[in-house]
């Protein structure tokens, strides 16, 4: 049976489709790491468009002389119950570096003594082993007063690994869901910390990726004219599949799904070429009949929670004010800031906070008509169907 996965599969190559142009574009940038030109990328795109899938495919296909690590800020934040700190991110990065170099047992043995001796020189104080992480067989404690030494050690380590080995020519660090770094104590200072070390490292590349609105303040904070990277990050937006690409994808990867012309047009209009939605809807459609518009509509109505499961999770984490903001945009098909200030029923400072938070999560965007609108049609559809079937919006 052919399966279209809705989560990250173990065998990436088996389920990967297309993206040749994106792969070539990103690989061209990353290849400069071998020539003392550190690549610095910002990868954006809609939720579910396949950014993580794409980047893991690219990292998996790198030559053995390029080391890479991938850290997911949302995972760190989830494990810490929303209490994200700069130290937690640095410890996760250190742990990921350990996992990467341990793949080569010979290099690992060579590096352990060198790294551990340097680490012990940090002179960490106020140990608290309630949240320990083992890296290089050393328990890394919660650190209350040595952030300066820890950050310097972790940020310098990738370049030192490259410099100390004839077999390694570069190190690539991917920070996924980077927009959640807004939740650390001083996000602006943290971005400047990373930027300061990139100026001194010539074989370490950074790739920031996240589902974030192009007009969000986090984009300006990291890559705006006065941001940490000051426009130096090369920004690449991963687009959904086109109509024709979606057709080929269904033909190649689905379990023999068939559509009428109108049925496929409705299918594409609902999924908008976003692989997560394509896969989710495909798994609940019948594969023994030709799907027309009515079948697509009925399937969506009956299975919307399964298809939009990502939004159920996100919705549950939003505050009531953020939910009210989204519902207002839904019912009014967007709104200007002036309208929101006068009609939403929240203070201007609260509305500013809602805008920052929701745009940083890629939930809303500011369009050419100077209105805030919902960025994802599946979120709109989920909310509308839930209201039509229950008489109220999800709590």
Protein backbone atom coordinates (compact mmCIF):
# COMPACT_ATOMS: atom_id res chain seq x y z
CA UNK A 1 0.00 0.00 0.00
CA UNK A 2 1.25 3.47 -0.88
CA UNK A 3 1.26 5.86 2.09
CA UNK A 4 1.46 9.64 2.00
CA UNK A 5 2.98 10.58 5.37
CA UNK A 6 1.67 13.45 7.50
CA UNK A 7 4.68 13.33 9.82
CA UNK A 8 8.42 13.07 9.22
CA UNK A 9 9.17 9.56 7.88
CA UNK A 10 12.33 7.63 8.71
CA UNK A 11 13.14 7.09 5.03
CA UNK A 12 13.16 10.64 3.66
CA UNK A 13 14.25 9.66 0.15
CA UNK A 14 11.36 7.21 -0.24
CA UNK A 15 8.73 9.93 0.24
CA UNK A 16 10.56 12.95 -1.12
CA UNK A 17 9.16 14.58 -4.25
CA UNK A 18 10.35 17.34 -6.55
CA UNK A 19 12.00 20.45 -5.03
CA UNK A 20 14.93 20.18 -7.44
CA UNK A 21 15.09 23.94 -7.89
CA UNK A 22 15.03 24.60 -4.14
CA UNK A 23 17.66 21.93 -3.48
CA UNK A 24 19.99 23.36 -6.11
CA UNK A 25 19.50 26.91 -4.83
CA UNK A 26 20.18 26.00 -1.19
CA UNK A 27 23.06 23.64 -1.99
CA UNK A 28 24.72 26.34 -4.09
CA UNK A 29 24.75 28.60 -1.04
CA UNK A 30 25.86 25.88 1.39
CA UNK A 31 28.71 24.77 -0.86
CA UNK A 32 30.58 28.01 -0.14
CA UNK A 33 31.33 26.76 3.37
CA UNK A 34 34.21 24.75 1.88
CA UNK A 35 35.78 27.87 0.42
CA UNK A 36 35.98 29.99 3.58
CA UNK A 37 32.73 31.80 2.74
CA UNK A 38 30.20 31.05 5.51
CA UNK A 39 26.66 30.69 4.13
CA UNK A 40 23.90 32.46 6.06
CA UNK A 41 20.34 31.60 5.03
CA UNK A 42 16.80 32.37 6.14
CA UNK A 43 14.29 29.80 4.87
CA UNK A 44 10.61 30.70 5.19
CA UNK A 45 7.31 29.30 3.95
CA UNK A 46 3.79 28.32 4.96
CA UNK A 47 3.27 25.76 7.70
CA UNK A 48 3.26 22.29 6.19
CA UNK A 49 4.96 23.34 2.96
CA UNK A 50 7.87 20.98 3.69
CA UNK A 51 10.73 23.20 4.90
CA UNK A 52 11.91 20.74 7.55
CA UNK A 53 11.56 17.77 5.18
CA UNK A 54 13.55 19.63 2.52
CA UNK A 55 16.36 20.69 4.84
CA UNK A 56 16.74 17.24 6.38
CA UNK A 57 16.97 15.82 2.87
CA UNK A 58 19.68 18.37 2.00
CA UNK A 59 21.66 17.68 5.18
CA UNK A 60 21.41 13.91 4.69
CA UNK A 61 22.87 14.27 1.19
CA UNK A 62 25.90 16.35 2.21
CA UNK A 63 29.32 14.80 1.63
CA UNK A 64 31.08 13.25 4.62
CA UNK A 65 33.49 16.19 4.85
CA UNK A 66 30.58 18.47 5.86
CA UNK A 67 29.19 18.06 9.36
CA UNK A 68 25.71 19.33 10.19
CA UNK A 69 23.33 19.68 13.10
CA UNK A 70 19.61 20.35 13.17
CA UNK A 71 17.89 21.76 16.25
CA UNK A 72 14.15 22.38 16.56
CA UNK A 73 13.36 25.29 18.87
CA UNK A 74 9.72 24.19 19.19
CA UNK A 75 10.87 20.84 20.58
CA UNK A 76 13.15 22.55 23.12
CA UNK A 77 10.35 24.90 24.14
CA UNK A 78 7.90 22.01 24.48
CA UNK A 79 10.23 20.03 26.72
CA UNK A 80 10.75 23.09 28.88
CA UNK A 81 6.97 23.75 29.16
CA UNK A 82 7.35 27.04 27.35
CA UNK A 83 10.20 28.25 29.55
CA UNK A 84 12.75 28.84 26.79
CA UNK A 85 16.12 30.32 27.72
CA UNK A 86 19.31 31.10 25.84
CA UNK A 87 21.15 28.50 27.94
CA UNK A 88 18.67 25.78 26.97
CA UNK A 89 19.20 26.51 23.27
CA UNK A 90 22.99 26.51 23.65
CA UNK A 91 22.91 23.20 25.54
CA UNK A 92 20.75 21.68 22.81
CA UNK A 93 23.21 22.88 20.18
CA UNK A 94 26.12 21.41 22.16
CA UNK A 95 24.30 18.10 22.51
CA UNK A 96 23.56 18.05 18.75
CA UNK A 97 27.24 18.70 17.96
CA UNK A 98 28.16 15.79 20.22
CA UNK A 99 25.69 13.51 18.41
CA UNK A 100 27.05 14.54 15.03
CA UNK A 101 30.75 14.02 15.67
CA UNK A 102 30.09 10.78 17.56
CA UNK A 103 28.98 9.24 14.24
CA UNK A 104 32.66 8.94 13.38
CA UNK A 105 34.15 6.93 16.23
CA UNK A 106 37.76 7.67 15.29
CA UNK A 107 37.24 11.43 15.15
CA UNK A 108 35.10 11.30 18.25
CA UNK A 109 37.82 9.68 20.37
CA UNK A 110 40.29 12.23 19.11
CA UNK A 111 37.97 15.06 20.01
CA UNK A 112 36.65 13.93 23.39
CA UNK A 113 39.82 14.58 25.38
CA UNK A 114 40.37 17.95 23.70
CA UNK A 115 36.79 19.14 24.16
CA UNK A 116 36.39 17.89 27.71
CA UNK A 117 39.60 19.54 28.85
CA UNK A 118 38.43 22.85 27.39
CA UNK A 119 34.98 22.42 28.86
CA UNK A 120 36.30 21.81 32.36
CA UNK A 121 38.21 25.09 32.13
CA UNK A 122 34.92 26.97 31.98
CA UNK A 123 34.70 26.92 35.75
CA UNK A 124 30.93 26.57 35.89
CA UNK A 125 29.34 27.56 39.18
CA UNK A 126 26.09 26.89 40.99
CA UNK A 127 25.53 23.41 39.58
CA UNK A 128 21.96 22.15 39.52
CA UNK A 129 21.70 18.62 38.12
CA UNK A 130 17.91 18.52 38.04
CA UNK A 131 18.04 19.37 34.35
CA UNK A 132 21.32 17.81 33.30
CA UNK A 133 22.33 16.89 29.78
CA UNK A 134 25.22 14.55 29.04
CA UNK A 135 27.60 15.78 26.37
CA UNK A 136 31.03 14.21 25.81
CA UNK A 137 30.24 12.10 28.92
CA UNK A 138 30.13 15.23 31.08
CA UNK A 139 26.91 16.28 32.86
CA UNK A 140 26.11 19.81 31.71
CA UNK A 141 24.24 21.53 34.55
CA UNK A 142 21.82 24.41 34.68
CA UNK A 143 24.07 27.45 34.63
CA UNK A 144 23.17 30.56 36.54
CA UNK A 145 26.24 32.75 36.26
CA UNK A 146 28.44 31.60 33.40
CA UNK A 147 26.40 32.34 30.29
CA UNK A 148 29.31 34.33 28.86
CA UNK A 149 31.74 31.40 29.05
CA UNK A 150 29.21 28.81 27.95
CA UNK A 151 28.07 30.81 24.91
CA UNK A 152 31.64 31.48 23.81
CA UNK A 153 32.57 27.80 24.15
CA UNK A 154 29.53 26.51 22.23
CA UNK A 155 29.65 29.12 19.48
CA UNK A 156 33.38 28.65 18.84
CA UNK A 157 33.28 24.85 18.89
CA UNK A 158 32.10 24.14 15.29
CA UNK A 159 34.92 26.20 13.73
CA UNK A 160 37.48 24.61 16.07
CA UNK A 161 36.32 21.17 14.95
CA UNK A 162 36.84 22.13 11.31
CA UNK A 163 40.23 23.74 12.00
CA UNK A 164 41.49 20.66 13.86
CA UNK A 165 40.65 18.10 11.21
CA UNK A 166 41.95 17.55 7.69
CA UNK A 167 38.89 15.41 7.00
CA UNK A 168 36.27 18.07 7.77
CA UNK A 169 35.79 21.11 5.55
CA UNK A 170 32.65 22.70 6.96
CA UNK A 171 29.93 22.73 9.55
CA UNK A 172 26.26 23.59 8.88
CA UNK A 173 23.90 24.51 11.71
CA UNK A 174 20.13 24.57 11.07
CA UNK A 175 17.88 26.27 13.62
CA UNK A 176 14.29 25.27 12.87
CA UNK A 177 11.28 27.29 14.10
CA UNK A 178 13.72 30.10 14.83
CA UNK A 179 10.83 32.55 15.37
CA UNK A 180 10.26 30.94 18.78
CA UNK A 181 13.57 32.40 19.91
CA UNK A 182 11.44 35.51 20.46
CA UNK A 183 10.55 33.80 23.76
CA UNK A 184 14.04 33.88 25.27
CA UNK A 185 14.84 36.61 27.75
CA UNK A 186 16.60 38.87 25.24
CA UNK A 187 16.06 37.59 21.67
CA UNK A 188 17.71 40.57 20.03
CA UNK A 189 20.90 40.08 22.06
CA UNK A 190 20.84 36.35 21.26
CA UNK A 191 20.69 37.02 17.51
CA UNK A 192 23.56 39.50 17.88
CA UNK A 193 25.54 36.84 19.77
CA UNK A 194 25.20 34.43 16.84
CA UNK A 195 25.99 37.19 14.36
CA UNK A 196 29.14 38.21 16.24
CA UNK A 197 30.61 34.72 15.93
CA UNK A 198 29.69 34.32 12.25
CA UNK A 199 31.97 37.25 11.51
CA UNK A 200 34.94 35.30 12.87
CA UNK A 201 34.11 31.87 11.45
CA UNK A 202 34.67 31.07 7.81
CA UNK A 203 33.61 27.41 7.62
CA UNK A 204 30.43 27.46 9.70
CA UNK A 205 27.10 28.14 8.00
CA UNK A 206 23.84 29.03 9.71
CA UNK A 207 20.38 28.30 8.33
CA UNK A 208 17.38 29.77 10.14
CA UNK A 209 14.02 28.38 9.14
CA UNK A 210 10.45 28.90 10.28
CA UNK A 211 6.78 29.36 9.44
CA UNK A 212 6.67 33.08 9.83
CA UNK A 213 4.99 35.99 8.07
CA UNK A 214 7.28 38.06 5.85
CA UNK A 215 6.01 41.15 7.65
CA UNK A 216 6.67 39.87 11.17
CA UNK A 217 8.87 41.76 13.59
CA UNK A 218 11.10 38.71 14.12
CA UNK A 219 12.21 39.01 10.48
CA UNK A 220 13.25 42.61 11.08
CA UNK A 221 14.91 41.66 14.35
CA UNK A 222 17.16 39.11 12.68
CA UNK A 223 17.54 40.39 9.12
CA UNK A 224 16.09 43.89 8.86
CA UNK A 225 18.26 46.95 8.15
CA UNK A 226 18.92 47.37 11.87
CA UNK A 227 18.65 43.69 12.73
CA UNK A 228 21.50 41.46 13.85
CA UNK A 229 22.33 40.24 10.32
CA UNK A 230 21.36 43.52 8.66
CA UNK A 231 20.04 41.95 5.46
CA UNK A 232 23.01 39.63 5.05
CA UNK A 233 20.92 36.48 5.43
CA UNK A 234 19.97 35.20 2.00
CA UNK A 235 16.20 34.74 2.25
CA UNK A 236 14.60 31.87 0.35
CA UNK A 237 10.86 31.23 0.46
CA UNK A 238 9.71 27.65 -0.12
CA UNK A 239 6.59 27.78 -2.27
CA UNK A 240 3.70 25.27 -2.32
CA UNK A 241 3.44 22.88 -5.25
CA UNK A 242 1.90 24.32 -8.38
CA UNK A 243 -1.29 22.86 -9.86
CA UNK A 244 0.70 20.66 -12.26
CA UNK A 245 3.23 19.64 -9.60
CA UNK A 246 0.39 18.58 -7.33
CA UNK A 247 -1.05 16.46 -10.13
CA UNK A 248 2.28 14.71 -10.66
CA UNK A 249 2.72 14.27 -6.93
CA UNK A 250 -0.70 12.59 -6.60
CA UNK A 251 -0.01 10.36 -9.61
CA UNK A 252 3.36 9.27 -8.22
CA UNK A 253 2.77 9.07 -4.48
CA UNK A 254 -0.93 8.44 -3.82
CA UNK A 255 -2.71 5.11 -3.55
CA UNK A 256 -4.26 5.42 -7.04
CA UNK A 257 -6.46 8.42 -6.29
CA UNK A 258 -8.59 9.56 -9.22
CA UNK A 259 -10.44 12.84 -9.78
CA UNK A 260 -12.80 14.49 -12.20
CA UNK A 261 -11.36 17.75 -13.55
CA UNK A 262 -13.64 19.76 -11.27
CA UNK A 263 -12.85 17.46 -8.36
CA UNK A 264 -9.12 18.01 -8.71
CA UNK A 265 -9.60 21.76 -9.01
CA UNK A 266 -11.50 21.69 -5.69
CA UNK A 267 -8.80 19.44 -4.19
CA UNK A 268 -6.08 21.90 -5.19
CA UNK A 269 -8.09 24.90 -4.02
CA UNK A 270 -8.45 23.28 -0.59
CA UNK A 271 -4.84 22.16 -0.19
CA UNK A 272 -3.24 25.05 -2.15
CA UNK A 273 -0.37 22.72 -3.06
CA UNK A 274 0.86 22.45 0.54
CA UNK A 275 2.20 18.88 0.97
CA UNK A 276 0.92 18.43 4.52
CA UNK A 277 -2.66 19.20 3.42
CA UNK A 278 -2.30 17.17 0.22
CA UNK A 279 -1.19 14.14 2.24
CA UNK A 280 -3.81 14.62 4.99
CA UNK A 281 -6.72 14.94 2.56
CA UNK A 282 -5.43 12.13 0.35
CA UNK A 283 -5.38 9.66 3.25
CA UNK A 284 -9.13 10.06 3.86
CA UNK A 285 -10.34 10.15 0.25
CA UNK A 286 -11.70 6.92 -1.27
CA UNK A 287 -9.32 5.33 -3.77
CA UNK A 288 -11.84 3.04 -5.42
CA UNK A 289 -14.00 5.74 -7.04
CA UNK A 290 -13.43 8.91 -9.03
CA UNK A 291 -13.60 11.88 -6.67
CA UNK A 292 -15.74 14.81 -7.77
CA UNK A 293 -16.40 18.19 -6.10
CA UNK A 294 -19.10 16.78 -3.82
CA UNK A 295 -16.88 13.98 -2.54
CA UNK A 296 -14.10 16.47 -1.77
CA UNK A 297 -16.53 18.75 0.05
CA UNK A 298 -18.15 15.93 2.06
CA UNK A 299 -14.76 14.44 2.98
CA UNK A 300 -13.54 17.79 4.26
CA UNK A 301 -16.70 18.30 6.30
CA UNK A 302 -16.47 14.88 7.92
CA UNK A 303 -12.70 14.76 8.46
CA UNK A 304 -11.69 18.37 9.02
CA UNK A 305 -10.12 17.67 12.44
CA UNK A 306 -7.88 15.01 10.92
CA UNK A 307 -6.92 17.20 7.96
CA UNK A 308 -6.34 20.34 10.02
CA UNK A 309 -4.86 18.56 13.05
CA UNK A 310 -1.89 20.94 13.05
CA UNK A 311 -4.26 23.86 13.73
CA UNK A 312 -5.98 22.04 16.59
CA UNK A 313 -2.61 21.85 18.33
CA UNK A 314 -1.74 25.50 17.59
CA UNK A 315 -5.22 26.75 18.54
CA UNK A 316 -4.93 25.10 21.94
CA UNK A 317 -1.79 27.12 22.72
CA UNK A 318 -3.28 30.52 21.86
CA UNK A 319 -4.59 32.98 24.43
CA UNK A 320 -8.25 33.98 24.39
CA UNK A 321 -7.28 37.41 23.07
CA UNK A 322 -5.36 35.87 20.17
CA UNK A 323 -8.34 33.63 19.36
CA UNK A 324 -10.67 36.65 19.43
CA UNK A 325 -8.29 38.46 17.09
CA UNK A 326 -8.29 35.54 14.61
CA UNK A 327 -12.07 35.14 14.73
CA UNK A 328 -12.54 38.87 14.06
CA UNK A 329 -10.30 38.67 10.97
CA UNK A 330 -12.17 35.55 9.83
CA UNK A 331 -15.63 37.10 10.18
CA UNK A 332 -14.63 40.41 8.59
CA UNK A 333 -12.31 38.97 5.94
CA UNK A 334 -9.40 41.03 7.31
CA UNK A 335 -9.13 44.39 9.02
CA UNK A 336 -6.92 47.47 9.20
CA UNK A 337 -5.07 48.42 12.36
CA UNK A 338 -7.41 51.38 12.78
CA UNK A 339 -10.45 49.12 12.63
CA UNK A 340 -8.93 46.66 15.10
CA UNK A 341 -8.12 49.43 17.56
CA UNK A 342 -11.70 50.69 17.46
CA UNK A 343 -13.71 47.48 17.21
CA UNK A 344 -11.83 44.50 18.65
CA UNK A 345 -12.44 45.47 22.26
CA UNK A 346 -8.84 45.19 23.47
CA UNK A 347 -6.30 47.87 24.37
CA UNK A 348 -3.92 49.10 21.68
CA UNK A 349 -0.97 47.56 23.52
CA UNK A 350 -2.75 44.18 23.62
CA UNK A 351 -3.54 44.38 19.90
CA UNK A 352 0.11 45.18 19.18
CA UNK A 353 1.08 42.10 21.18
CA UNK A 354 -1.44 39.93 19.30
CA UNK A 355 -0.12 41.16 15.95
CA UNK A 356 3.50 40.47 16.92
CA UNK A 357 2.76 37.00 18.29
CA UNK A 358 0.48 35.83 15.48
CA UNK A 359 2.62 37.19 12.64
CA UNK A 360 5.72 35.60 14.21
CA UNK A 361 3.87 32.28 14.07
CA UNK A 362 2.85 32.77 10.45
CA UNK A 363 -0.85 32.82 11.39
CA UNK A 364 -1.59 36.33 10.11
CA UNK A 365 0.00 38.56 7.49
CA UNK A 366 -0.23 42.18 6.37
CA UNK A 367 -1.40 42.34 2.76
CA UNK A 368 -1.05 44.88 -0.03
CA UNK A 369 -4.37 46.47 0.92
CA UNK A 370 -2.82 47.31 4.30
CA UNK A 371 -5.03 44.89 6.12
CA UNK A 372 -4.26 42.07 8.51
CA UNK A 373 -5.61 38.78 7.16
CA UNK A 374 -5.36 35.11 8.05
CA UNK A 375 -2.41 33.57 6.23
CA UNK A 376 -3.73 30.01 5.94
CA UNK A 377 -6.97 29.01 4.23
CA UNK A 378 -7.06 25.66 6.03
CA UNK A 379 -7.27 27.48 9.34
CA UNK A 380 -10.19 29.50 7.92
CA UNK A 381 -11.90 26.36 6.67
CA UNK A 382 -11.44 24.52 9.96
CA UNK A 383 -12.93 27.38 11.97
CA UNK A 384 -15.86 27.83 9.58
CA UNK A 385 -16.73 24.12 9.54
CA UNK A 386 -16.49 23.86 13.32
CA UNK A 387 -18.82 26.86 13.68
CA UNK A 388 -21.28 25.50 11.11
CA UNK A 389 -21.45 22.06 12.75
CA UNK A 390 -21.40 23.04 16.43
CA UNK A 391 -22.68 26.61 16.48
CA UNK A 392 -19.54 27.95 18.14
CA UNK A 393 -15.82 28.27 17.48
CA UNK A 394 -13.32 25.88 19.11
CA UNK A 395 -12.61 26.77 22.72
